[in-house]
Amino acid sequence: MLILILSVVILLALGGCVCVYWTARGDAPRWARGVAKATDVASNVVLRANSRTRSGNGGGD
């Protein structure tokens, strides 16, 4: 079951990346632009959460 969930997450991420690329080329339909925007927002959320985790580390590696 875990492999199925992980596979779905990977496929969604890959599909989001394809839509971002398609939108960057300039000939994407409206739904692909929406998926690309959602992928961009999700990546910013993850990056922001990761930077908070790193900044709260105390500087000790």
C-alpha atoms as a PDB file:
ATOM      1  CA  MET A   1       0.000   0.000   0.000  1.00  0.00           C
ATOM      2  CA  LEU A   2       2.855   2.341   0.818  1.00  0.00           C
ATOM      3  CA  ILE A   3       4.436   1.709  -2.579  1.00  0.00           C
ATOM      4  CA  LEU A   4       1.147   2.589  -4.271  1.00  0.00           C
ATOM      5  CA  ILE A   5       0.881   5.890  -2.397  1.00  0.00           C
ATOM      6  CA  LEU A   6       4.513   6.739  -3.126  1.00  0.00           C
ATOM      7  CA  SER A   7       4.015   5.919  -6.808  1.00  0.00           C
ATOM      8  CA  VAL A   8       0.998   8.237  -7.009  1.00  0.00           C
ATOM      9  CA  VAL A   9       2.932  11.062  -5.334  1.00  0.00           C
ATOM     10  CA  ILE A  10       5.857  10.617  -7.734  1.00  0.00           C
ATOM     11  CA  LEU A  11       3.524  10.579 -10.753  1.00  0.00           C
ATOM     12  CA  LEU A  12       1.795  13.761  -9.561  1.00  0.00           C
ATOM     13  CA  ALA A  13       5.145  15.505  -9.067  1.00  0.00           C
ATOM     14  CA  LEU A  14       6.328  14.399 -12.506  1.00  0.00           C
ATOM     15  CA  GLY A  15       3.074  15.593 -14.086  1.00  0.00           C
ATOM     16  CA  GLY A  16       3.461  18.952 -12.354  1.00  0.00           C
ATOM     17  CA  CYS A  17       6.991  19.315 -13.705  1.00  0.00           C
ATOM     18  CA  VAL A  18       5.789  18.519 -17.218  1.00  0.00           C
ATOM     19  CA  CYS A  19       3.078  21.173 -16.914  1.00  0.00           C
ATOM     20  CA  VAL A  20       5.623  23.737 -15.675  1.00  0.00           C
ATOM     21  CA  TYR A  21       7.831  22.999 -18.694  1.00  0.00           C
ATOM     22  CA  TRP A  22       4.846  23.118 -21.050  1.00  0.00           C
ATOM     23  CA  THR A  23       3.747  26.467 -19.615  1.00  0.00           C
ATOM     24  CA  ALA A  24       7.272  27.879 -19.901  1.00  0.00           C
ATOM     25  CA  ARG A  25       7.224  27.079 -23.625  1.00  0.00           C
ATOM     26  CA  GLY A  26       4.129  29.253 -23.930  1.00  0.00           C
ATOM     27  CA  ASP A  27       1.662  26.954 -25.693  1.00  0.00           C
ATOM     28  CA  ALA A  28      -0.015  25.286 -22.714  1.00  0.00           C
ATOM     29  CA  PRO A  29      -3.796  25.115 -22.247  1.00  0.00           C
ATOM     30  CA  ARG A  30      -5.467  26.781 -19.278  1.00  0.00           C
ATOM     31  CA  TRP A  31      -5.639  23.605 -17.160  1.00  0.00           C
ATOM     32  CA  ALA A  32      -1.897  23.026 -17.582  1.00  0.00           C
ATOM     33  CA  ARG A  33      -1.176  26.588 -16.483  1.00  0.00           C
ATOM     34  CA  GLY A  34      -3.275  25.934 -13.371  1.00  0.00           C
ATOM     35  CA  VAL A  35      -1.365  22.749 -12.592  1.00  0.00           C
ATOM     36  CA  ALA A  36       1.923  24.583 -13.153  1.00  0.00           C
ATOM     37  CA  LYS A  37       0.856  27.352 -10.764  1.00  0.00           C
ATOM     38  CA  ALA A  38      -0.166  24.794  -8.123  1.00  0.00           C
ATOM     39  CA  THR A  39       3.188  23.029  -8.535  1.00  0.00           C
ATOM     40  CA  ASP A  40       5.032  26.331  -8.140  1.00  0.00           C
ATOM     41  CA  VAL A  41       3.082  27.206  -4.980  1.00  0.00           C
ATOM     42  CA  ALA A  42       3.692  23.735  -3.517  1.00  0.00           C
ATOM     43  CA  SER A  43       7.419  23.957  -4.207  1.00  0.00           C
ATOM     44  CA  ASN A  44       7.595  27.349  -2.492  1.00  0.00           C
ATOM     45  CA  VAL A  45       5.802  25.946   0.561  1.00  0.00           C
ATOM     46  CA  VAL A  46       8.234  23.024   0.765  1.00  0.00           C
ATOM     47  CA  LEU A  47      11.268  25.288   0.332  1.00  0.00           C
ATOM     48  CA  ARG A  48      10.000  27.661   3.005  1.00  0.00           C
ATOM     49  CA  ALA A  49       9.379  24.798   5.437  1.00  0.00           C
ATOM     50  CA  ASN A  50      12.835  23.393   4.726  1.00  0.00           C
ATOM     51  CA  SER A  51      14.524  26.739   5.359  1.00  0.00           C
ATOM     52  CA  ARG A  52      12.693  27.062   8.699  1.00  0.00           C
ATOM     53  CA  THR A  53      13.895  23.597   9.702  1.00  0.00           C
ATOM     54  CA  ARG A  54      17.478  24.461   8.785  1.00  0.00           C
ATOM     55  CA  SER A  55      17.427  27.847  10.527  1.00  0.00           C
ATOM     56  CA  GLY A  56      16.162  26.264  13.748  1.00  0.00           C
ATOM     57  CA  ASN A  57      19.059  23.818  13.757  1.00  0.00           C
ATOM     58  CA  GLY A  58      21.217  25.908  16.101  1.00  0.00           C
ATOM     59  CA  GLY A  59      24.180  25.897  13.749  1.00  0.00           C
ATOM     60  CA  GLY A  60      25.554  22.566  14.933  1.00  0.00           C
ATOM     61  CA  ASP A  61      26.307  20.076  12.201  1.00  0.00           C
END
